[in-house]
C-alpha cells in the first residue's frame, strides 16, 4: 500500500509574503495573468503564491520584486523576528488573510473602500459585528 504524501502545513511567512504580493499587484492595478506572464508561470500559480499555498523561491521572489516594482524588503515588512521555526501571522493580519481566502471576502475588501460616506461604512461594520455576535450566541 502506497502512502499519500501529506499536505504541507501552511506557514505564516509564506502567507504574509503572498499577501504582500497580492497587495502590491492590486496597488499597481495588475491582474494575476499579467504578473504570471511576466514571471513565465500560470495565473493559477500566482493564486497559490498569493494565498501562501506554495512557497515562493528566492529567484521567483527576486523576479517578482522587479515585476511589481518593489524592493525585496517590501515582501517581509511587518513580519516579527523569527523566534521559532514556524512564524504565525499577527491576529490582525490573520483576519485579513482569512478574508482574502473567499470570493465574497475579496469582493467586500475591494468594494468597502469605495464607500465614501463614513456613516455608511460604520453601519456596515456594525451590521457585520451584530451578525457575528448572533452567530456566536447560537
C-alpha atoms as a PDB file:
ATOM      1  CA  UNK A   1       0.000   0.000   0.000  1.00  0.00           C
ATOM      2  CA  UNK A   2       1.464   3.337  -1.008  1.00  0.00           C
ATOM      3  CA  UNK A   3       1.139   6.216   1.367  1.00  0.00           C
ATOM      4  CA  UNK A   4      -0.350   9.502   0.167  1.00  0.00           C
ATOM      5  CA  UNK A   5       2.009  12.430   0.639  1.00  0.00           C
ATOM      6  CA  UNK A   6       0.961  14.692   3.473  1.00  0.00           C
ATOM      7  CA  UNK A   7      -0.069  18.210   2.608  1.00  0.00           C
ATOM      8  CA  UNK A   8       2.476  20.785   3.661  1.00  0.00           C
ATOM      9  CA  UNK A   9       1.392  22.829   6.654  1.00  0.00           C
ATOM     10  CA  UNK A  10       0.846  26.425   5.713  1.00  0.00           C
ATOM     11  CA  UNK A  11       3.468  28.758   7.029  1.00  0.00           C
ATOM     12  CA  UNK A  12       2.817  32.248   8.358  1.00  0.00           C
ATOM     13  CA  UNK A  13       5.785  33.681   6.459  1.00  0.00           C
ATOM     14  CA  UNK A  14       4.577  32.196   3.163  1.00  0.00           C
ATOM     15  CA  UNK A  15       1.094  33.598   3.792  1.00  0.00           C
ATOM     16  CA  UNK A  16       2.491  37.030   4.680  1.00  0.00           C
ATOM     17  CA  UNK A  17       4.742  37.192   1.604  1.00  0.00           C
ATOM     18  CA  UNK A  18       1.848  36.032  -0.593  1.00  0.00           C
ATOM     19  CA  UNK A  19      -0.450  38.682   0.885  1.00  0.00           C
ATOM     20  CA  UNK A  20       2.210  41.320   0.192  1.00  0.00           C
ATOM     21  CA  UNK A  21       2.487  40.121  -3.422  1.00  0.00           C
ATOM     22  CA  UNK A  22      -1.288  40.377  -3.804  1.00  0.00           C
ATOM     23  CA  UNK A  23      -1.452  43.826  -2.193  1.00  0.00           C
ATOM     24  CA  UNK A  24       1.328  45.193  -4.397  1.00  0.00           C
ATOM     25  CA  UNK A  25      -0.158  43.661  -7.545  1.00  0.00           C
ATOM     26  CA  UNK A  26      -3.547  45.193  -6.726  1.00  0.00           C
ATOM     27  CA  UNK A  27      -1.937  48.566  -5.939  1.00  0.00           C
ATOM     28  CA  UNK A  28      -0.443  48.528  -9.441  1.00  0.00           C
ATOM     29  CA  UNK A  29      -3.871  47.569 -10.866  1.00  0.00           C
ATOM     30  CA  UNK A  30      -2.267  44.463 -12.356  1.00  0.00           C
ATOM     31  CA  UNK A  31      -4.202  41.228 -12.776  1.00  0.00           C
ATOM     32  CA  UNK A  32      -2.835  37.783 -11.957  1.00  0.00           C
ATOM     33  CA  UNK A  33      -2.457  36.874 -15.616  1.00  0.00           C
ATOM     34  CA  UNK A  34      -0.238  39.895 -16.327  1.00  0.00           C
ATOM     35  CA  UNK A  35       2.036  39.062 -13.388  1.00  0.00           C
ATOM     36  CA  UNK A  36       2.097  35.404 -14.395  1.00  0.00           C
ATOM     37  CA  UNK A  37       3.119  36.327 -17.927  1.00  0.00           C
ATOM     38  CA  UNK A  38       5.984  38.490 -16.647  1.00  0.00           C
ATOM     39  CA  UNK A  39       7.214  35.602 -14.484  1.00  0.00           C
ATOM     40  CA  UNK A  40       6.632  32.818 -17.009  1.00  0.00           C
ATOM     41  CA  UNK A  41       4.162  30.918 -14.807  1.00  0.00           C
ATOM     42  CA  UNK A  42       0.400  30.316 -14.879  1.00  0.00           C
ATOM     43  CA  UNK A  43      -2.082  32.628 -13.192  1.00  0.00           C
ATOM     44  CA  UNK A  44      -3.063  29.637 -11.029  1.00  0.00           C
ATOM     45  CA  UNK A  45       0.496  29.586  -9.709  1.00  0.00           C
ATOM     46  CA  UNK A  46       0.188  33.274  -8.825  1.00  0.00           C
ATOM     47  CA  UNK A  47      -3.002  32.412  -6.910  1.00  0.00           C
ATOM     48  CA  UNK A  48      -1.148  29.699  -4.989  1.00  0.00           C
ATOM     49  CA  UNK A  49       1.671  32.099  -4.169  1.00  0.00           C
ATOM     50  CA  UNK A  50      -0.710  34.830  -3.026  1.00  0.00           C
ATOM     51  CA  UNK A  51      -2.589  32.545  -0.640  1.00  0.00           C
ATOM     52  CA  UNK A  52       0.565  31.002   0.780  1.00  0.00           C
ATOM     53  CA  UNK A  53      -0.255  27.576  -0.655  1.00  0.00           C
ATOM     54  CA  UNK A  54       3.073  27.390  -2.477  1.00  0.00           C
ATOM     55  CA  UNK A  55       6.371  28.712  -1.211  1.00  0.00           C
ATOM     56  CA  UNK A  56       7.968  31.324  -3.466  1.00  0.00           C
ATOM     57  CA  UNK A  57      11.566  30.515  -4.323  1.00  0.00           C
ATOM     58  CA  UNK A  58      14.226  33.179  -3.869  1.00  0.00           C
ATOM     59  CA  UNK A  59      14.733  33.500  -7.640  1.00  0.00           C
ATOM     60  CA  UNK A  60      10.976  33.874  -8.256  1.00  0.00           C
ATOM     61  CA  UNK A  61      10.656  36.426  -5.463  1.00  0.00           C
ATOM     62  CA  UNK A  62      13.570  38.343  -6.963  1.00  0.00           C
ATOM     63  CA  UNK A  63      11.796  38.407 -10.341  1.00  0.00           C
ATOM     64  CA  UNK A  64       8.534  39.407  -8.624  1.00  0.00           C
ATOM     65  CA  UNK A  65      10.236  42.360  -6.971  1.00  0.00           C
ATOM     66  CA  UNK A  66      11.175  43.671 -10.431  1.00  0.00           C
ATOM     67  CA  UNK A  67       7.781  42.869 -11.957  1.00  0.00           C
ATOM     68  CA  UNK A  68       5.977  44.597  -9.074  1.00  0.00           C
ATOM     69  CA  UNK A  69       8.468  47.471  -8.832  1.00  0.00           C
ATOM     70  CA  UNK A  70       9.074  46.827  -5.132  1.00  0.00           C
ATOM     71  CA  UNK A  71      12.218  46.316  -3.055  1.00  0.00           C
ATOM     72  CA  UNK A  72      12.780  42.782  -1.769  1.00  0.00           C
ATOM     73  CA  UNK A  73      12.259  44.004   1.794  1.00  0.00           C
ATOM     74  CA  UNK A  74       8.663  45.019   0.941  1.00  0.00           C
ATOM     75  CA  UNK A  75       7.553  41.385   0.957  1.00  0.00           C
ATOM     76  CA  UNK A  76       8.815  40.891   4.511  1.00  0.00           C
ATOM     77  CA  UNK A  77       7.711  44.227   6.028  1.00  0.00           C
ATOM     78  CA  UNK A  78       5.679  43.689   9.180  1.00  0.00           C
ATOM     79  CA  UNK A  79       6.970  40.215   9.991  1.00  0.00           C
ATOM     80  CA  UNK A  80       8.230  39.651  13.522  1.00  0.00           C
ATOM     81  CA  UNK A  81      11.787  38.475  14.082  1.00  0.00           C
ATOM     82  CA  UNK A  82      11.909  34.689  13.806  1.00  0.00           C
ATOM     83  CA  UNK A  83      11.804  33.157  17.279  1.00  0.00           C
ATOM     84  CA  UNK A  84      10.829  29.672  16.203  1.00  0.00           C
ATOM     85  CA  UNK A  85      10.793  27.509  13.115  1.00  0.00           C
ATOM     86  CA  UNK A  86       7.164  28.407  12.357  1.00  0.00           C
ATOM     87  CA  UNK A  87       6.098  32.068  12.325  1.00  0.00           C
ATOM     88  CA  UNK A  88       2.397  32.747  12.756  1.00  0.00           C
ATOM     89  CA  UNK A  89       0.786  35.884  11.348  1.00  0.00           C
ATOM     90  CA  UNK A  90      -0.249  38.537  13.852  1.00  0.00           C
ATOM     91  CA  UNK A  91      -4.021  38.424  14.669  1.00  0.00           C
ATOM     92  CA  UNK A  92      -4.921  41.473  12.559  1.00  0.00           C
ATOM     93  CA  UNK A  93      -3.046  40.023   9.578  1.00  0.00           C
ATOM     94  CA  UNK A  94      -4.610  36.584  10.141  1.00  0.00           C
ATOM     95  CA  UNK A  95      -8.106  38.067   9.758  1.00  0.00           C
ATOM     96  CA  UNK A  96      -7.034  39.823   6.548  1.00  0.00           C
ATOM     97  CA  UNK A  97      -5.667  36.546   5.206  1.00  0.00           C
ATOM     98  CA  UNK A  98      -8.921  34.773   6.117  1.00  0.00           C
ATOM     99  CA  UNK A  99     -10.910  37.491   4.328  1.00  0.00           C
ATOM    100  CA  UNK A 100      -8.799  37.088   1.203  1.00  0.00           C
ATOM    101  CA  UNK A 101      -9.462  33.325   1.038  1.00  0.00           C
ATOM    102  CA  UNK A 102     -13.090  33.647  -0.088  1.00  0.00           C
ATOM    103  CA  UNK A 103     -14.638  35.243  -3.141  1.00  0.00           C
ATOM    104  CA  UNK A 104     -17.082  37.257  -1.032  1.00  0.00           C
ATOM    105  CA  UNK A 105     -14.315  38.375   1.305  1.00  0.00           C
ATOM    106  CA  UNK A 106     -12.195  39.609  -1.587  1.00  0.00           C
ATOM    107  CA  UNK A 107     -15.211  41.353  -3.115  1.00  0.00           C
ATOM    108  CA  UNK A 108     -16.047  43.020   0.197  1.00  0.00           C
ATOM    109  CA  UNK A 109     -12.443  44.122   0.665  1.00  0.00           C
ATOM    110  CA  UNK A 110     -12.414  45.570  -2.850  1.00  0.00           C
ATOM    111  CA  UNK A 111     -15.761  47.380  -2.594  1.00  0.00           C
ATOM    112  CA  UNK A 112     -15.739  48.638   1.003  1.00  0.00           C
ATOM    113  CA  UNK A 113     -13.114  51.387   0.454  1.00  0.00           C
ATOM    114  CA  UNK A 114     -15.244  52.740  -2.415  1.00  0.00           C
ATOM    115  CA  UNK A 115     -17.981  53.665   0.074  1.00  0.00           C
ATOM    116  CA  UNK A 116     -17.135  57.287   0.800  1.00  0.00           C
ATOM    117  CA  UNK A 117     -19.856  58.011   3.361  1.00  0.00           C
ATOM    118  CA  UNK A 118     -18.318  57.245   6.771  1.00  0.00           C
ATOM    119  CA  UNK A 119     -21.741  56.713   8.351  1.00  0.00           C
ATOM    120  CA  UNK A 120     -22.477  54.010   5.792  1.00  0.00           C
ATOM    121  CA  UNK A 121     -19.105  52.366   6.474  1.00  0.00           C
ATOM    122  CA  UNK A 122     -19.836  52.405  10.204  1.00  0.00           C
ATOM    123  CA  UNK A 123     -23.327  50.945   9.642  1.00  0.00           C
ATOM    124  CA  UNK A 124     -21.892  48.085   7.563  1.00  0.00           C
ATOM    125  CA  UNK A 125     -19.275  47.304  10.220  1.00  0.00           C
ATOM    126  CA  UNK A 126     -21.936  47.350  12.964  1.00  0.00           C
ATOM    127  CA  UNK A 127     -24.191  45.068  10.887  1.00  0.00           C
ATOM    128  CA  UNK A 128     -21.387  42.556  10.392  1.00  0.00           C
ATOM    129  CA  UNK A 129     -20.420  42.771  14.082  1.00  0.00           C
ATOM    130  CA  UNK A 130     -24.050  42.102  15.120  1.00  0.00           C
ATOM    131  CA  UNK A 131     -24.247  39.134  12.730  1.00  0.00           C
ATOM    132  CA  UNK A 132     -21.041  37.652  14.159  1.00  0.00           C
ATOM    133  CA  UNK A 133     -22.271  38.092  17.750  1.00  0.00           C
ATOM    134  CA  UNK A 134     -25.597  36.479  16.796  1.00  0.00           C
ATOM    135  CA  UNK A 135     -23.761  33.526  15.254  1.00  0.00           C
ATOM    136  CA  UNK A 136     -21.596  33.124  18.374  1.00  0.00           C
ATOM    137  CA  UNK A 137     -24.723  33.061  20.566  1.00  0.00           C
ATOM    138  CA  UNK A 138     -26.202  30.128  18.655  1.00  0.00           C
END
